[in-house]
Amino acid sequence: MSEPATVIAIHLAEVESGPVHAVDSVEAVAGAGLRGDRYFEPGAKPAEQLTLVESEELEALAADAGIEFAPGESRRQLTTRGVRLNPLVGRRFRVGEVECLGIELCEPCSHLQKLTAREGLMRAFAHKAGLNAEILSGGEIAVGAVIEPLD
C-alpha cells in the first residue's frame, strides 16, 4: 500500500525576495493566501494565494541537472510528496482541511534564477516547478497534511 500524498514542509517569506523560514503549520485564508507570507493580501489574485512544489521534482532536478536547493529555496510555500501537481491544474483538491483550486503551473522565472544563482534553472525546471492555487476555503495547513483531489 502506498503512502498518502502529504505536505512535507512549509516555507514562508515575510517580504518579497526576503529569506524563507520553515513553519510547522500556517493559516490559509480563502481569497487572501497564507497568513504571514509575502503574498498574503485580502483579494489576492487566485494564482498568487498558494504555491506548491513536488519534492520528487526537486530531487530529479538535483540528479538530472545538478541543481540542488536547500529546503524552501525553491520559494514555493508547500513542498509535497506523493502527489503529481501538474494534473491538478483546473481541479479542486484538499490540503488537510483547506479546499483549493489548481490555477496554473508555477513556472520558474528569471527572478528565481537570479535569487538562487542557478544557471540553467529556467530550462531544467520548466513545467516541473510546481502549482499555483487558489484557496477556496480557509483553515490550517500543517506539515503532514494529506493532499487529495476532490473531483
N, C-alpha and C. Protein backbone atom coordinates (compact mmCIF):
# COMPACT_ATOMS: atom_id res chain seq x y z
N MET A 1 0.83 -1.18 0.00
CA MET A 1 0.00 0.00 0.00
C MET A 1 0.88 1.25 0.00
N SER A 2 0.58 2.20 -0.88
CA SER A 2 1.41 3.39 -0.97
C SER A 2 1.04 4.40 0.11
N GLU A 3 2.01 5.24 0.42
CA GLU A 3 1.81 6.29 1.42
C GLU A 3 0.89 7.36 0.84
N PRO A 4 0.10 8.04 1.69
CA PRO A 4 -0.76 9.12 1.18
C PRO A 4 0.09 10.32 0.74
N ALA A 5 -0.46 11.09 -0.17
CA ALA A 5 0.19 12.33 -0.59
C ALA A 5 0.14 13.31 0.57
N THR A 6 1.27 13.94 0.88
CA THR A 6 1.32 14.82 2.05
C THR A 6 2.16 16.06 1.81
N VAL A 7 1.98 17.02 2.70
CA VAL A 7 2.84 18.20 2.80
C VAL A 7 4.02 17.79 3.68
N ILE A 8 5.25 17.95 3.16
CA ILE A 8 6.42 17.57 3.96
C ILE A 8 7.16 18.78 4.52
N ALA A 9 6.84 19.98 3.99
CA ALA A 9 7.48 21.20 4.51
C ALA A 9 6.62 22.40 4.13
N ILE A 10 6.67 23.42 4.97
CA ILE A 10 6.01 24.70 4.72
C ILE A 10 7.06 25.79 4.91
N HIS A 11 7.19 26.65 3.91
CA HIS A 11 8.14 27.76 3.98
C HIS A 11 7.45 29.07 3.62
N LEU A 12 7.70 30.08 4.40
CA LEU A 12 7.14 31.41 4.17
C LEU A 12 8.27 32.43 4.11
N ALA A 13 8.00 33.52 3.40
CA ALA A 13 8.90 34.67 3.38
C ALA A 13 8.04 35.89 3.70
N GLU A 14 8.49 36.70 4.63
CA GLU A 14 7.70 37.84 5.05
C GLU A 14 7.69 38.96 4.03
N VAL A 15 8.76 39.10 3.25
CA VAL A 15 8.84 40.15 2.23
C VAL A 15 9.34 39.54 0.93
N GLU A 16 8.99 40.19 -0.17
CA GLU A 16 9.43 39.72 -1.48
C GLU A 16 10.96 39.69 -1.53
N SER A 17 11.50 38.62 -2.06
CA SER A 17 12.94 38.38 -2.20
C SER A 17 13.63 38.17 -0.85
N GLY A 18 12.86 38.20 0.25
CA GLY A 18 13.43 38.02 1.58
C GLY A 18 13.69 36.55 1.87
N PRO A 19 14.36 36.29 2.99
CA PRO A 19 14.66 34.91 3.35
C PRO A 19 13.38 34.14 3.69
N VAL A 20 13.41 32.84 3.43
CA VAL A 20 12.28 31.98 3.78
C VAL A 20 12.58 31.32 5.13
N HIS A 21 11.51 30.98 5.83
CA HIS A 21 11.68 30.25 7.09
C HIS A 21 10.62 29.15 7.15
N ALA A 22 11.01 28.05 7.76
CA ALA A 22 10.11 26.90 7.88
C ALA A 22 9.17 27.10 9.06
N VAL A 23 7.93 26.64 8.87
CA VAL A 23 6.94 26.62 9.95
C VAL A 23 6.29 25.25 9.97
N ASP A 24 5.75 24.87 11.12
CA ASP A 24 5.07 23.59 11.24
C ASP A 24 3.64 23.64 10.73
N SER A 25 3.03 24.83 10.82
CA SER A 25 1.66 24.99 10.33
C SER A 25 1.44 26.46 9.99
N VAL A 26 0.38 26.70 9.22
CA VAL A 26 0.07 28.06 8.78
C VAL A 26 -1.43 28.16 8.56
N GLU A 27 -1.96 29.36 8.76
CA GLU A 27 -3.37 29.60 8.49
C GLU A 27 -3.54 29.99 7.02
N ALA A 28 -4.37 29.24 6.31
CA ALA A 28 -4.73 29.56 4.92
C ALA A 28 -6.05 30.32 4.96
N VAL A 29 -6.09 31.48 4.31
CA VAL A 29 -7.28 32.33 4.31
C VAL A 29 -7.84 32.39 2.90
N ALA A 30 -9.10 31.98 2.75
CA ALA A 30 -9.74 32.00 1.43
C ALA A 30 -9.65 33.39 0.83
N GLY A 31 -9.24 33.45 -0.43
CA GLY A 31 -9.17 34.71 -1.15
C GLY A 31 -8.03 35.62 -0.75
N ALA A 32 -7.12 35.14 0.13
CA ALA A 32 -6.03 36.00 0.59
C ALA A 32 -4.65 35.34 0.54
N GLY A 33 -4.56 34.06 0.91
CA GLY A 33 -3.27 33.38 0.91
C GLY A 33 -2.92 32.81 2.27
N LEU A 34 -1.64 32.67 2.52
CA LEU A 34 -1.14 32.12 3.78
C LEU A 34 -0.73 33.27 4.69
N ARG A 35 -1.35 33.34 5.85
CA ARG A 35 -1.08 34.43 6.79
C ARG A 35 0.40 34.43 7.17
N GLY A 36 1.04 35.59 7.06
CA GLY A 36 2.45 35.73 7.39
C GLY A 36 3.36 35.63 6.19
N ASP A 37 2.80 35.32 5.01
CA ASP A 37 3.63 35.21 3.81
C ASP A 37 3.60 36.51 3.02
N ARG A 38 4.61 36.72 2.20
CA ARG A 38 4.75 37.93 1.39
C ARG A 38 3.58 38.17 0.45
N TYR A 39 2.90 37.12 0.03
CA TYR A 39 1.79 37.27 -0.92
C TYR A 39 0.43 37.38 -0.24
N PHE A 40 0.39 37.34 1.10
CA PHE A 40 -0.89 37.40 1.80
C PHE A 40 -1.51 38.78 1.61
N GLU A 41 -2.73 38.79 1.05
CA GLU A 41 -3.45 40.04 0.85
C GLU A 41 -4.91 39.72 0.56
N PRO A 42 -5.83 40.25 1.36
CA PRO A 42 -7.24 40.03 1.04
C PRO A 42 -7.53 40.49 -0.39
N GLY A 43 -8.22 39.64 -1.14
CA GLY A 43 -8.50 39.93 -2.54
C GLY A 43 -7.36 39.60 -3.49
N ALA A 44 -6.38 38.84 -3.01
CA ALA A 44 -5.24 38.45 -3.85
C ALA A 44 -5.72 37.71 -5.09
N LYS A 45 -4.99 37.85 -6.16
CA LYS A 45 -5.30 37.11 -7.39
C LYS A 45 -5.27 35.61 -7.06
N PRO A 46 -6.18 34.85 -7.66
CA PRO A 46 -6.23 33.40 -7.37
C PRO A 46 -4.89 32.69 -7.52
N ALA A 47 -4.11 33.03 -8.55
CA ALA A 47 -2.85 32.34 -8.80
C ALA A 47 -1.74 32.76 -7.84
N GLU A 48 -2.00 33.73 -6.97
CA GLU A 48 -0.97 34.21 -6.04
C GLU A 48 -1.25 33.85 -4.58
N GLN A 49 -2.21 32.96 -4.34
CA GLN A 49 -2.60 32.64 -2.97
C GLN A 49 -1.81 31.49 -2.36
N LEU A 50 -1.42 30.51 -3.18
CA LEU A 50 -0.74 29.33 -2.65
C LEU A 50 0.14 28.73 -3.74
N THR A 51 1.37 28.35 -3.37
CA THR A 51 2.26 27.67 -4.30
C THR A 51 2.72 26.35 -3.70
N LEU A 52 2.82 25.34 -4.55
CA LEU A 52 3.24 24.01 -4.12
C LEU A 52 4.31 23.49 -5.08
N VAL A 53 5.20 22.65 -4.58
CA VAL A 53 6.21 22.01 -5.42
C VAL A 53 6.40 20.58 -4.92
N GLU A 54 6.64 19.67 -5.86
CA GLU A 54 6.87 18.26 -5.53
C GLU A 54 8.32 18.05 -5.10
N SER A 55 8.50 17.41 -3.96
CA SER A 55 9.86 17.08 -3.52
C SER A 55 10.54 16.16 -4.54
N GLU A 56 9.77 15.32 -5.19
CA GLU A 56 10.33 14.40 -6.19
C GLU A 56 10.93 15.17 -7.37
N GLU A 57 10.31 16.29 -7.76
CA GLU A 57 10.86 17.10 -8.86
C GLU A 57 12.12 17.84 -8.42
N LEU A 58 12.17 18.26 -7.16
CA LEU A 58 13.39 18.89 -6.66
C LEU A 58 14.53 17.88 -6.63
N GLU A 59 14.23 16.64 -6.25
CA GLU A 59 15.25 15.59 -6.25
C GLU A 59 15.71 15.26 -7.66
N ALA A 60 14.78 15.23 -8.61
CA ALA A 60 15.12 14.95 -10.00
C ALA A 60 15.97 16.08 -10.59
N LEU A 61 15.65 17.32 -10.24
CA LEU A 61 16.43 18.47 -10.70
C LEU A 61 17.88 18.35 -10.24
N ALA A 62 18.07 17.93 -9.01
CA ALA A 62 19.43 17.73 -8.49
C ALA A 62 20.14 16.59 -9.21
N ALA A 63 19.43 15.48 -9.40
CA ALA A 63 20.05 14.31 -10.03
C ALA A 63 20.32 14.53 -11.52
N ASP A 64 19.37 15.15 -12.22
CA ASP A 64 19.47 15.27 -13.68
C ASP A 64 20.26 16.50 -14.14
N ALA A 65 20.13 17.61 -13.42
CA ALA A 65 20.75 18.85 -13.87
C ALA A 65 21.82 19.36 -12.91
N GLY A 66 21.98 18.67 -11.78
CA GLY A 66 22.98 19.11 -10.81
C GLY A 66 22.60 20.39 -10.09
N ILE A 67 21.31 20.75 -10.13
CA ILE A 67 20.84 21.97 -9.47
C ILE A 67 20.14 21.55 -8.18
N GLU A 68 20.77 21.89 -7.06
CA GLU A 68 20.23 21.50 -5.76
C GLU A 68 19.70 22.72 -5.02
N PHE A 69 18.62 22.50 -4.30
CA PHE A 69 18.02 23.54 -3.48
C PHE A 69 18.06 23.12 -2.02
N ALA A 70 18.36 24.06 -1.15
CA ALA A 70 18.19 23.85 0.28
C ALA A 70 16.68 23.87 0.55
N PRO A 71 16.24 23.33 1.67
CA PRO A 71 14.80 23.36 1.97
C PRO A 71 14.24 24.78 1.86
N GLY A 72 13.14 24.93 1.11
CA GLY A 72 12.48 26.21 0.94
C GLY A 72 13.07 27.11 -0.11
N GLU A 73 14.24 26.79 -0.61
CA GLU A 73 14.93 27.67 -1.54
C GLU A 73 14.23 27.77 -2.90
N SER A 74 13.34 26.83 -3.20
CA SER A 74 12.58 26.91 -4.45
C SER A 74 11.55 28.04 -4.41
N ARG A 75 11.35 28.63 -3.23
CA ARG A 75 10.44 29.75 -3.00
C ARG A 75 8.97 29.35 -3.12
N ARG A 76 8.66 28.05 -3.11
CA ARG A 76 7.28 27.58 -3.08
C ARG A 76 6.90 27.40 -1.61
N GLN A 77 5.65 27.67 -1.29
CA GLN A 77 5.24 27.65 0.11
C GLN A 77 5.11 26.23 0.67
N LEU A 78 4.52 25.32 -0.11
CA LEU A 78 4.34 23.95 0.36
C LEU A 78 5.18 23.00 -0.48
N THR A 79 5.92 22.13 0.18
CA THR A 79 6.64 21.06 -0.50
C THR A 79 5.88 19.78 -0.21
N THR A 80 5.59 19.04 -1.29
CA THR A 80 4.75 17.85 -1.19
C THR A 80 5.54 16.58 -1.48
N ARG A 81 4.95 15.46 -1.13
CA ARG A 81 5.49 14.15 -1.51
C ARG A 81 4.31 13.25 -1.83
N GLY A 82 4.44 12.52 -2.96
CA GLY A 82 3.45 11.50 -3.30
C GLY A 82 2.27 11.98 -4.13
N VAL A 83 2.35 13.19 -4.66
CA VAL A 83 1.25 13.69 -5.50
C VAL A 83 1.84 14.38 -6.72
N ARG A 84 1.25 14.10 -7.88
CA ARG A 84 1.62 14.82 -9.11
C ARG A 84 0.80 16.10 -9.13
N LEU A 85 1.46 17.24 -9.20
CA LEU A 85 0.77 18.52 -9.14
C LEU A 85 0.26 19.01 -10.49
N ASN A 86 0.99 18.78 -11.57
CA ASN A 86 0.56 19.28 -12.87
C ASN A 86 -0.87 18.87 -13.23
N PRO A 87 -1.30 17.63 -12.97
CA PRO A 87 -2.68 17.25 -13.29
C PRO A 87 -3.74 17.96 -12.44
N LEU A 88 -3.33 18.71 -11.42
CA LEU A 88 -4.30 19.41 -10.58
C LEU A 88 -4.69 20.78 -11.15
N VAL A 89 -4.08 21.20 -12.25
CA VAL A 89 -4.50 22.45 -12.89
C VAL A 89 -5.96 22.30 -13.32
N GLY A 90 -6.80 23.25 -12.87
CA GLY A 90 -8.21 23.22 -13.20
C GLY A 90 -9.04 22.30 -12.33
N ARG A 91 -8.42 21.70 -11.31
CA ARG A 91 -9.13 20.75 -10.44
C ARG A 91 -9.15 21.24 -9.00
N ARG A 92 -10.19 20.86 -8.30
CA ARG A 92 -10.28 21.13 -6.87
C ARG A 92 -9.54 20.03 -6.11
N PHE A 93 -8.90 20.42 -5.02
CA PHE A 93 -8.21 19.45 -4.18
C PHE A 93 -8.18 19.99 -2.75
N ARG A 94 -7.90 19.12 -1.83
CA ARG A 94 -7.86 19.49 -0.42
C ARG A 94 -6.43 19.27 0.09
N VAL A 95 -5.97 20.22 0.91
CA VAL A 95 -4.71 20.11 1.64
C VAL A 95 -5.10 20.17 3.11
N GLY A 96 -5.12 19.02 3.76
CA GLY A 96 -5.65 18.98 5.12
C GLY A 96 -7.11 19.38 5.08
N GLU A 97 -7.48 20.40 5.82
CA GLU A 97 -8.87 20.87 5.85
C GLU A 97 -9.14 22.00 4.86
N VAL A 98 -8.15 22.40 4.09
CA VAL A 98 -8.25 23.56 3.20
C VAL A 98 -8.57 23.11 1.78
N GLU A 99 -9.65 23.67 1.22
CA GLU A 99 -10.00 23.35 -0.17
C GLU A 99 -9.36 24.36 -1.10
N CYS A 100 -8.79 23.85 -2.20
CA CYS A 100 -8.06 24.68 -3.16
C CYS A 100 -8.50 24.37 -4.58
N LEU A 101 -8.11 25.24 -5.49
CA LEU A 101 -8.32 25.03 -6.92
C LEU A 101 -6.99 25.28 -7.62
N GLY A 102 -6.52 24.29 -8.37
CA GLY A 102 -5.29 24.46 -9.14
C GLY A 102 -5.53 25.46 -10.27
N ILE A 103 -4.75 26.53 -10.33
CA ILE A 103 -4.95 27.59 -11.31
C ILE A 103 -4.03 27.43 -12.52
N GLU A 104 -2.73 27.28 -12.27
CA GLU A 104 -1.76 27.20 -13.37
C GLU A 104 -0.45 26.62 -12.85
N LEU A 105 0.38 26.16 -13.78
CA LEU A 105 1.71 25.72 -13.40
C LEU A 105 2.50 26.91 -12.86
N CYS A 106 3.30 26.68 -11.87
CA CYS A 106 4.15 27.71 -11.28
C CYS A 106 5.53 27.57 -11.93
N GLU A 107 5.67 28.19 -13.08
CA GLU A 107 6.90 28.04 -13.86
C GLU A 107 8.07 28.79 -13.21
N PRO A 108 9.28 28.29 -13.41
CA PRO A 108 10.45 29.01 -12.90
C PRO A 108 10.60 30.32 -13.69
N CYS A 109 11.11 31.34 -13.03
CA CYS A 109 11.26 32.63 -13.68
C CYS A 109 12.68 33.15 -13.50
N SER A 110 12.99 34.21 -14.22
CA SER A 110 14.33 34.79 -14.13
C SER A 110 14.59 35.32 -12.73
N HIS A 111 13.55 35.77 -12.03
CA HIS A 111 13.71 36.26 -10.66
C HIS A 111 14.19 35.13 -9.75
N LEU A 112 13.58 33.94 -9.87
CA LEU A 112 14.01 32.78 -9.08
C LEU A 112 15.44 32.40 -9.44
N GLN A 113 15.74 32.40 -10.74
CA GLN A 113 17.09 32.05 -11.18
C GLN A 113 18.11 33.04 -10.60
N LYS A 114 17.76 34.33 -10.59
CA LYS A 114 18.67 35.35 -10.06
C LYS A 114 18.83 35.19 -8.54
N LEU A 115 17.70 35.00 -7.82
CA LEU A 115 17.76 34.86 -6.36
C LEU A 115 18.59 33.66 -5.92
N THR A 116 18.49 32.58 -6.67
CA THR A 116 19.17 31.35 -6.28
C THR A 116 20.53 31.17 -6.95
N ALA A 117 20.84 32.03 -7.92
CA ALA A 117 22.11 31.95 -8.66
C ALA A 117 22.33 30.57 -9.26
N ARG A 118 21.28 30.03 -9.89
CA ARG A 118 21.34 28.70 -10.52
C ARG A 118 21.20 28.86 -12.03
N GLU A 119 22.31 28.91 -12.74
CA GLU A 119 22.27 28.99 -14.20
C GLU A 119 21.58 27.76 -14.77
N GLY A 120 20.77 27.97 -15.77
CA GLY A 120 20.07 26.87 -16.42
C GLY A 120 18.81 26.42 -15.71
N LEU A 121 18.46 27.06 -14.61
CA LEU A 121 17.30 26.65 -13.82
C LEU A 121 16.01 26.73 -14.63
N MET A 122 15.82 27.82 -15.35
CA MET A 122 14.55 28.01 -16.06
C MET A 122 14.30 26.87 -17.06
N ARG A 123 15.30 26.49 -17.79
CA ARG A 123 15.15 25.41 -18.78
C ARG A 123 15.00 24.06 -18.08
N ALA A 124 15.82 23.79 -17.10
CA ALA A 124 15.81 22.48 -16.44
C ALA A 124 14.55 22.24 -15.60
N PHE A 125 13.94 23.30 -15.11
CA PHE A 125 12.80 23.18 -14.19
C PHE A 125 11.46 23.51 -14.86
N ALA A 126 11.50 23.83 -16.16
CA ALA A 126 10.27 24.18 -16.88
C ALA A 126 9.24 23.05 -16.79
N HIS A 127 8.01 23.41 -16.52
CA HIS A 127 6.86 22.50 -16.40
C HIS A 127 6.98 21.51 -15.24
N LYS A 128 7.93 21.76 -14.32
CA LYS A 128 8.16 20.86 -13.18
C LYS A 128 8.26 21.63 -11.87
N ALA A 129 8.08 22.93 -11.92
CA ALA A 129 8.38 23.79 -10.77
C ALA A 129 7.21 23.98 -9.83
N GLY A 130 6.08 23.30 -10.08
CA GLY A 130 5.01 23.35 -9.12
C GLY A 130 3.70 23.89 -9.64
N LEU A 131 2.86 24.30 -8.70
CA LEU A 131 1.47 24.67 -8.98
C LEU A 131 1.11 25.93 -8.22
N ASN A 132 0.40 26.83 -8.90
CA ASN A 132 -0.23 27.99 -8.25
C ASN A 132 -1.68 27.61 -8.01
N ALA A 133 -2.17 27.90 -6.81
CA ALA A 133 -3.54 27.51 -6.48
C ALA A 133 -4.27 28.62 -5.75
N GLU A 134 -5.59 28.60 -5.90
CA GLU A 134 -6.48 29.49 -5.18
C GLU A 134 -6.97 28.78 -3.92
N ILE A 135 -7.07 29.51 -2.83
CA ILE A 135 -7.61 28.96 -1.59
C ILE A 135 -9.11 29.25 -1.56
N LEU A 136 -9.91 28.19 -1.65
CA LEU A 136 -11.36 28.32 -1.70
C LEU A 136 -12.00 28.35 -0.32
N SER A 137 -11.48 27.57 0.61
CA SER A 137 -11.97 27.59 1.99
C SER A 137 -10.76 27.54 2.92
N GLY A 138 -10.79 28.38 3.93
CA GLY A 138 -9.65 28.52 4.80
C GLY A 138 -9.56 27.45 5.87
N GLY A 139 -8.47 27.51 6.61
CA GLY A 139 -8.21 26.58 7.69
C GLY A 139 -6.71 26.46 7.90
N GLU A 140 -6.33 25.50 8.69
CA GLU A 140 -4.91 25.28 8.98
C GLU A 140 -4.32 24.26 8.00
N ILE A 141 -3.10 24.54 7.57
CA ILE A 141 -2.30 23.57 6.82
C ILE A 141 -1.09 23.27 7.68
N ALA A 142 -0.84 22.01 7.95
CA ALA A 142 0.29 21.61 8.78
C ALA A 142 1.16 20.61 8.04
N VAL A 143 2.42 20.55 8.42
CA VAL A 143 3.31 19.51 7.90
C VAL A 143 2.63 18.17 8.22
N GLY A 144 2.56 17.30 7.24
CA GLY A 144 1.90 16.01 7.40
C GLY A 144 0.48 16.01 6.87
N ALA A 145 -0.06 17.18 6.50
CA ALA A 145 -1.42 17.25 5.98
C ALA A 145 -1.53 16.40 4.71
N VAL A 146 -2.65 15.69 4.59
CA VAL A 146 -2.90 14.85 3.42
C VAL A 146 -3.44 15.72 2.28
N ILE A 147 -2.99 15.42 1.07
CA ILE A 147 -3.43 16.10 -0.13
C ILE A 147 -4.26 15.14 -0.94
N GLU A 148 -5.49 15.55 -1.32
CA GLU A 148 -6.33 14.66 -2.09
C GLU A 148 -7.17 15.43 -3.11
N PRO A 149 -7.21 14.94 -4.36
CA PRO A 149 -8.09 15.55 -5.36
C PRO A 149 -9.55 15.38 -4.95
N LEU A 150 -10.40 16.36 -5.31
CA LEU A 150 -11.81 16.29 -4.93
C LEU A 150 -12.71 15.99 -6.11
N ASP A 151 -12.28 16.18 -7.32
CA ASP A 151 -13.14 15.90 -8.48
C ASP A 151 -12.41 15.11 -9.53
